[in-house]
Protein backbone atom coordinates (compact mmCIF):
# COMPACT_ATOMS: atom_id res chain seq x y z
CA MET A 1 150.05 -93.13 56.34
CA LYS A 2 152.58 -94.19 58.95
CA ILE A 3 154.24 -90.90 58.61
CA TYR A 4 150.95 -89.01 59.37
CA ARG A 5 150.24 -91.13 62.41
CA THR A 6 153.65 -90.42 63.68
CA LEU A 7 153.33 -86.72 63.26
CA ILE A 8 149.88 -86.78 65.02
CA THR A 9 151.41 -88.72 67.91
CA VAL A 10 154.38 -86.30 68.17
CA PHE A 11 152.00 -83.32 67.96
CA GLY A 12 149.84 -84.70 70.72
CA ILE A 13 152.89 -85.31 72.85
CA VAL A 14 154.01 -81.71 72.44
CA ILE A 15 150.69 -80.00 72.72
CA LEU A 16 149.38 -81.79 75.81
CA PRO A 17 152.17 -80.43 78.13
CA PHE A 18 151.61 -77.05 76.58
CA ILE A 19 147.82 -77.20 77.53
CA HIS A 20 148.78 -78.33 81.05
CA ILE A 21 151.20 -75.39 81.39
CA ILE A 22 148.51 -73.00 80.36
CA SER A 23 145.97 -74.45 82.77
CA VAL A 24 148.43 -74.35 85.66
CA HIS A 25 149.37 -70.76 84.91
CA SER A 26 145.86 -69.29 84.70
CA ALA A 27 142.97 -68.85 86.96
CA ASN A 28 139.35 -67.94 86.52
CA LEU A 29 137.89 -64.80 88.09
CA VAL A 30 134.20 -64.48 88.05
CA GLY A 31 132.59 -61.35 89.32
CA ARG A 32 129.13 -59.85 90.03
CA ILE A 33 128.29 -56.21 90.51
CA VAL A 34 125.27 -55.23 92.61
CA ASP A 35 123.74 -52.25 94.41
CA ALA A 36 124.81 -52.30 97.96
CA GLU A 37 121.31 -51.64 99.36
CA SER A 38 118.97 -53.42 96.95
CA ARG A 39 121.33 -56.14 95.82
CA GLU A 40 120.02 -55.52 92.27
CA PRO A 41 122.67 -56.37 89.55
CA LEU A 42 124.26 -53.29 88.00
CA ALA A 43 126.06 -52.36 84.77
CA ALA A 44 129.41 -50.78 85.38
CA ARG A 45 132.93 -50.06 84.28
CA VAL A 46 135.65 -52.54 85.30
CA TYR A 47 139.40 -52.07 85.67
CA ILE A 48 141.80 -54.98 86.40
CA GLU A 49 145.48 -54.26 87.13
CA ASN A 50 148.04 -56.72 88.62
CA SER A 51 150.84 -56.02 91.00
CA LYS A 52 153.19 -55.53 88.02
CA GLY A 53 151.21 -52.75 86.54
CA HIS A 54 149.78 -54.86 83.67
CA TRP A 55 146.02 -54.36 82.70
CA PHE A 56 143.47 -56.90 81.78
CA PHE A 57 139.94 -57.01 80.39
CA VAL A 58 136.86 -59.07 81.22
CA GLU A 59 134.22 -60.86 79.20
CA SER A 60 130.49 -61.62 80.03
CA ALA A 61 130.05 -64.83 81.94
CA THR A 62 126.57 -65.31 80.37
CA GLU A 63 125.21 -65.50 76.87
CA ASP A 64 122.76 -62.69 77.40
CA GLY A 65 125.32 -60.33 78.86
CA SER A 66 127.57 -57.85 76.93
CA THR A 67 130.99 -56.24 77.40
CA VAL A 68 132.79 -53.54 75.41
CA ARG A 69 136.55 -53.17 75.70
CA TYR A 70 138.05 -49.72 75.83
CA ASP A 71 141.88 -49.45 75.29
CA LYS A 72 143.15 -45.97 74.27
CA THR A 73 146.64 -44.57 74.50
CA ASN A 74 147.17 -40.98 73.54
CA TRP A 75 149.30 -40.35 70.36
CA VAL A 76 151.23 -37.38 71.92
CA GLN A 77 151.78 -38.66 75.48
CA LYS A 78 152.23 -42.43 75.80
CA GLU A 79 151.74 -42.30 79.60
CA SER A 80 148.23 -41.08 79.01
CA PHE A 81 146.03 -44.13 78.68
CA GLU A 82 142.68 -45.61 79.64
CA LYS A 83 142.05 -49.38 79.89
CA HIS A 84 138.63 -50.76 81.07
CA THR A 85 135.69 -52.84 80.22
CA THR A 86 132.08 -51.71 80.39
CA VAL A 87 129.87 -54.67 81.45
CA SER A 88 126.17 -55.09 81.38
CA ALA A 89 124.20 -56.04 84.61
CA ASN A 90 125.36 -59.63 84.28
CA PRO A 91 128.31 -61.59 85.84
CA PHE A 92 131.69 -61.08 84.12
CA LYS A 93 134.76 -63.37 83.99
CA ALA A 94 138.44 -63.19 83.20
CA ASN A 95 141.12 -65.76 82.73
CA LEU A 96 144.15 -64.47 84.49
CA PRO A 97 147.65 -65.67 85.60
CA PRO A 98 147.84 -66.35 89.32
CA GLY A 99 148.82 -63.32 91.34
CA LYS A 100 147.60 -60.24 93.18
CA TYR A 101 145.15 -57.92 91.36
CA THR A 102 143.41 -54.61 92.06
CA ILE A 103 139.88 -54.53 90.73
CA THR A 104 138.27 -51.11 90.50
CA VAL A 105 134.56 -50.79 89.56
CA GLU A 106 132.87 -47.47 88.78
CA ARG A 107 129.36 -46.52 87.70
CA GLY A 108 128.71 -42.96 86.60
CA LYS A 109 128.86 -40.12 89.13
CA GLU A 110 125.98 -41.21 91.56
CA TYR A 111 127.88 -44.22 93.03
CA PHE A 112 131.05 -44.40 95.00
CA ALA A 113 133.87 -46.25 93.24
CA GLU A 114 134.69 -49.64 94.80
CA VAL A 115 138.31 -51.09 94.90
CA LYS A 116 138.91 -54.75 95.84
CA GLN A 117 142.19 -56.53 96.24
CA VAL A 118 142.10 -60.14 95.02
CA SER A 119 144.81 -62.88 95.21
CA LEU A 120 144.32 -65.54 92.60
CA ASP A 121 145.75 -69.09 92.70
CA GLN A 122 145.05 -71.95 90.27
CA VAL A 123 141.57 -72.42 91.83
CA GLY A 124 140.43 -68.96 90.84
CA ALA A 125 137.90 -66.82 92.75
CA ASN A 126 134.26 -65.61 92.71
CA ILE A 127 133.66 -62.06 93.93
CA GLU A 128 130.79 -59.82 94.45
CA ILE A 129 131.29 -56.06 94.27
CA ARG A 130 128.74 -53.86 96.08
CA LEU A 131 128.36 -50.24 94.78
CA ARG A 132 127.13 -47.70 97.29
CA ARG A 133 124.94 -44.90 95.92
CA TRP A 134 125.43 -41.53 97.48
CA ILE A 135 122.85 -39.48 95.56
CA ASN A 136 119.82 -40.22 93.19
CA LEU A 137 119.72 -37.16 90.78
CA PRO A 138 116.80 -38.41 88.62
CA LYS A 139 114.63 -38.44 91.68
CA ARG A 140 115.49 -34.69 92.05
CA GLY A 141 114.66 -34.04 88.32
CA TRP A 142 118.31 -34.01 87.00
CA TYR A 143 119.52 -36.24 84.20
CA SER A 144 123.03 -36.77 82.91
CA GLY A 145 124.13 -36.10 79.27
CA GLU A 146 127.15 -36.26 77.06
CA THR A 147 127.69 -33.77 74.22
CA HIS A 148 131.00 -34.94 72.83
CA ILE A 149 131.18 -38.72 72.30
CA HIS A 150 132.58 -40.78 69.42
CA ARG A 151 131.24 -44.15 70.03
CA THR A 152 129.33 -46.37 67.66
CA LEU A 153 125.60 -46.92 67.84
CA GLN A 154 126.37 -50.65 68.40
CA GLU A 155 128.54 -49.99 71.50
CA LEU A 156 126.45 -47.27 73.11
CA PRO A 157 123.64 -49.24 74.66
CA ASN A 158 126.16 -51.15 76.74
CA VAL A 159 128.21 -48.05 77.47
CA ILE A 160 125.53 -45.72 78.60
CA GLN A 161 124.07 -48.27 80.98
CA ALA A 162 127.44 -48.98 82.46
CA GLU A 163 128.06 -45.25 82.79
CA ASP A 164 124.56 -44.58 83.90
CA LEU A 165 124.49 -41.82 81.31
CA ASN A 166 120.86 -40.90 80.70
CA VAL A 167 121.20 -39.09 77.37
CA ALA A 168 123.90 -39.71 74.75
CA MET A 169 124.40 -37.59 71.67
CA PRO A 170 127.15 -39.31 69.59
CA LEU A 171 128.83 -37.46 66.88
CA THR A 172 127.88 -39.87 64.09
CA TYR A 173 128.69 -37.30 61.36
CA TRP A 174 132.18 -35.84 61.55
CA VAL A 175 133.78 -33.70 58.79
CA THR A 176 137.14 -31.83 58.85
CA LYS A 177 137.13 -30.34 55.33
CA SER A 178 135.25 -27.14 54.47
CA ASP A 179 134.09 -28.08 51.10
CA THR A 180 132.70 -31.58 52.23
CA PRO A 181 129.19 -32.06 53.55
CA PRO A 182 128.66 -34.31 56.52
CA THR A 183 127.01 -36.82 54.34
CA SER A 184 130.49 -37.50 52.97
CA GLY A 185 132.37 -36.71 56.15
CA ASP A 186 135.91 -38.13 56.37
CA LYS A 187 135.38 -39.31 59.96
CA ASN A 188 131.77 -40.49 60.02
CA ILE A 189 131.01 -43.65 61.96
CA GLY A 190 129.35 -45.15 58.89
CA GLY A 191 126.16 -47.06 58.27
CA GLN A 192 122.54 -45.82 58.47
CA ILE A 193 121.82 -43.22 60.99
CA PRO A 194 118.16 -43.29 62.11
CA ASP A 195 116.17 -40.16 62.68
CA LYS A 196 114.36 -41.34 65.79
CA LEU A 197 115.22 -41.77 69.42
CA ILE A 198 116.92 -44.99 70.46
CA THR A 199 115.45 -46.08 73.84
CA VAL A 200 117.76 -48.49 75.66
CA ASP A 201 115.60 -48.57 78.80
CA ALA A 202 113.34 -46.06 80.74
CA THR A 203 116.17 -43.86 81.80
CA HIS A 204 118.86 -44.29 79.02
CA VAL A 205 118.31 -42.92 75.59
CA ILE A 206 120.42 -42.07 72.49
CA TRP A 207 119.71 -39.39 69.88
CA PRO A 208 121.71 -40.56 66.88
CA ARG A 209 121.79 -37.64 64.55
CA ASN A 210 124.56 -35.22 65.62
CA THR A 211 127.34 -33.56 63.56
CA GLU A 212 130.74 -32.28 64.34
CA TYR A 213 132.19 -29.71 61.99
CA GLU A 214 135.88 -29.65 62.88
CA ILE A 215 137.46 -27.70 60.05
CA PHE A 216 141.15 -28.13 59.49
CA SER A 217 141.32 -27.25 55.74
CA VAL A 218 139.56 -24.58 53.60
CA SER A 219 139.50 -24.93 49.77
CA LYS A 220 141.78 -27.86 50.09
CA LYS A 221 144.44 -25.82 51.95
CA ARG A 222 145.52 -26.25 55.54
CA HIS A 223 143.59 -23.68 57.43
CA THR A 224 142.32 -24.44 60.95
CA LEU A 225 138.97 -22.87 62.01
CA GLY A 226 137.89 -25.18 64.74
CA ALA A 227 134.92 -27.29 65.87
CA LEU A 228 131.23 -26.65 66.43
CA PHE A 229 128.73 -29.40 67.27
CA PHE A 230 125.25 -29.56 65.81
CA LEU A 231 123.25 -31.70 68.25
CA ASN A 232 119.70 -33.14 68.09
CA HIS A 233 119.18 -32.32 64.35
CA LYS A 234 116.45 -34.10 62.45
CA SER A 235 117.59 -33.83 58.82
CA VAL A 236 120.93 -34.75 57.40
CA PHE A 237 123.07 -31.80 56.49
CA ASN A 238 124.24 -31.78 52.90
CA VAL A 239 126.40 -28.57 52.91
CA GLY A 240 129.84 -27.68 54.05
CA VAL A 241 130.97 -24.70 56.08
CA PRO A 242 131.76 -21.87 56.11
CA PRO A 243 129.56 -19.82 55.86
CA TRP A 244 128.11 -20.78 59.27
CA GLY A 245 125.14 -18.52 59.54
CA PRO A 246 122.74 -20.00 57.02
CA LEU A 247 123.38 -23.62 58.23
CA ALA A 248 123.04 -22.62 61.86
CA LYS A 249 119.63 -20.83 61.15
CA ARG A 250 118.39 -23.88 59.33
CA ALA A 251 119.55 -26.19 62.07
CA ARG A 252 118.00 -24.16 64.88
CA ALA A 253 114.75 -24.22 63.07
CA GLU A 254 114.46 -27.98 63.53
CA GLY A 255 115.47 -27.94 67.20
CA THR A 256 119.24 -28.27 66.81
CA ILE A 257 121.42 -27.35 69.80
CA LEU A 258 124.73 -25.71 68.92
CA ASP A 259 127.61 -26.74 71.35
CA MET A 260 131.10 -24.94 71.23
CA ASP A 261 133.82 -27.46 71.73
CA LYS A 262 136.81 -25.40 73.05
CA LEU A 263 137.36 -21.68 72.85
CA ASP A 264 141.04 -21.91 71.86
CA TRP A 265 140.02 -22.47 68.22
CA PRO A 266 140.88 -19.46 65.91
CA PHE A 267 137.16 -18.88 65.08
CA SER A 268 135.59 -19.73 68.38
CA MET A 269 134.88 -16.29 69.83
CA THR A 270 132.81 -15.36 66.81
CA LEU A 271 130.41 -18.35 67.21
CA PRO A 272 127.95 -16.96 69.68
CA HIS A 273 127.31 -14.02 67.46
CA SER A 274 127.51 -15.69 63.99
CA THR A 275 125.72 -18.88 64.80
CA GLY A 276 123.70 -18.33 67.98
CA ALA A 277 125.69 -21.07 69.81
CA ARG A 278 124.85 -21.04 73.45
CA LEU A 279 126.37 -24.29 74.82
CA TYR A 280 129.99 -24.20 75.93
CA GLU A 281 132.01 -27.28 77.04
CA LEU A 282 133.28 -25.76 80.30
CA ALA A 283 134.60 -29.36 81.02
CA ASN A 284 136.11 -30.21 77.63
CA ASN A 285 137.84 -33.22 76.02
CA HIS A 286 141.41 -32.10 77.03
CA MET A 287 140.71 -32.37 80.68
CA TRP A 288 141.61 -35.95 81.68
CA ARG A 289 142.18 -37.86 84.90
CA THR A 290 145.13 -39.54 83.22
CA LYS A 291 148.35 -37.57 82.46
CA PHE A 292 147.67 -34.15 80.75
CA ALA A 293 148.86 -34.28 77.08
CA PHE A 294 147.87 -31.22 75.05
CA THR A 295 150.27 -28.49 76.34
CA LYS A 296 150.26 -26.64 73.00
CA TRP A 297 147.09 -24.73 72.06
CA ASN A 298 145.34 -23.72 68.88
CA SER A 299 145.51 -20.00 69.54
CA ARG A 300 147.45 -17.61 71.74
CA THR A 301 145.54 -16.67 74.97
CA PRO A 302 144.42 -13.03 75.32
CA GLY A 303 146.80 -10.97 77.23
CA PHE A 304 144.17 -10.06 79.79
CA LEU A 305 143.51 -13.57 80.90
CA GLN A 306 145.40 -14.09 84.17
CA PRO A 307 147.00 -16.63 84.01
CA PRO A 308 148.24 -17.68 81.35
CA TYR A 309 148.91 -14.15 80.00
CA GLY A 310 148.98 -14.38 76.27
CA THR A 311 150.82 -17.71 75.67
CA ARG A 312 150.19 -20.61 73.30
CA GLN A 313 151.10 -23.42 75.70
CA GLY A 314 150.93 -24.39 79.35
CA ASN A 315 150.14 -26.92 81.95
CA GLU A 316 146.86 -28.45 83.00
CA GLU A 317 146.06 -25.78 85.48
CA GLU A 318 146.68 -23.05 82.94
CA TRP A 319 144.51 -24.80 80.31
CA LEU A 320 141.73 -24.82 82.96
CA ASN A 321 142.22 -21.07 83.47
CA TYR A 322 142.18 -20.47 79.71
CA THR A 323 138.89 -22.43 79.36
CA LEU A 324 137.23 -20.51 82.32
CA GLY A 325 138.66 -17.21 81.14
CA GLN A 326 137.12 -17.38 77.69
CA TYR A 327 133.83 -18.49 79.20
CA TYR A 328 133.63 -15.52 81.60
CA THR A 329 134.68 -13.16 78.90
CA LEU A 330 131.66 -14.16 76.74
CA LEU A 331 129.35 -13.99 79.88
CA ASN A 332 130.56 -10.54 80.52
CA ALA A 333 129.89 -9.53 77.00
CA GLY A 334 126.23 -10.51 77.45
CA PHE A 335 126.05 -13.93 75.89
CA PRO A 336 123.87 -16.31 78.10
CA LEU A 337 126.12 -19.35 77.70
CA VAL A 338 125.16 -22.77 79.19
CA PRO A 339 128.00 -24.85 80.47
CA THR A 340 128.19 -28.47 79.20
CA ALA A 341 130.71 -31.38 79.53
CA GLY A 342 132.17 -33.45 76.81
CA THR A 343 134.81 -36.18 76.95
CA ALA A 344 135.53 -37.22 73.30
CA ASN A 345 135.30 -40.84 74.57
CA GLY A 346 136.07 -43.02 71.63
CA VAL A 347 139.04 -40.91 70.59
CA HIS A 348 140.84 -39.95 73.82
CA PRO A 349 142.04 -42.02 76.87
CA VAL A 350 139.06 -41.01 79.04
CA PRO A 351 136.26 -43.05 80.67
């Protein structure tokens, strides 16, 4: 018994200075994000970086608030990363070492980003960040949407409010093998996928049934075809592809929208004819604000595209030219394509 008491005493002597060191070398930051004009609280995306280039994440400061951490580094280019927290319209907090920090807050495309410099000592700090709106698109009849997103149904209510994304169509079914139906997709998010609209609030909704066919193997052999998104479908697809035509016809009959991912896939230029696809991601998931990573492409560019003149690799500007060139080629061929935008948030280092 004396041995146990001695150990407890020694443990207490060791742990108390340790706790004291932690308390001395940390500070509490509490933040609040509001609309600059109305002073109403806002959900938003928060970045915290210290003077040494280290990144930090925040938590909700209230029980009824929510936060989702996003920490992605590209597997090809380690200098391509995205580190942020999406926060609900509630105060947030972070326990940080004393020092100088840059806090950046963004909310969708209708507000200016706000950057705040903060110096923390042991006392900590309380800050209020006021976001200034520069346009109100819903009042003009325009609503934002995302056609290429890989987030879970549990995360999305927080995320779409922080990003002020009006309509989200997460790719809950995702299959990469030709002989596998999406019901058994190798990259599905899992769980039950409802067949009804998820209403987060009056201006933010989620349609949960969407499928990505991204075929990399045919008949169990490596054979890349590419990706086509089936958005807004009602039933669950129980067949693999190819062939594409019969499934596309069935899908369109129930209101499905077909969205072409990138037109560097080997089969991509056949899709408008064989499937009736009319949406094209003119802003696609390889266009990042972090360092460009995918310099090697799935297919050689046509020789008539200028630039990049029949090559299979290039820089970011050449990738943009490739994307635009394929788009205008199909427009000139008479296909009435509609441009869309998709980030592949959830997979890539993008907000």
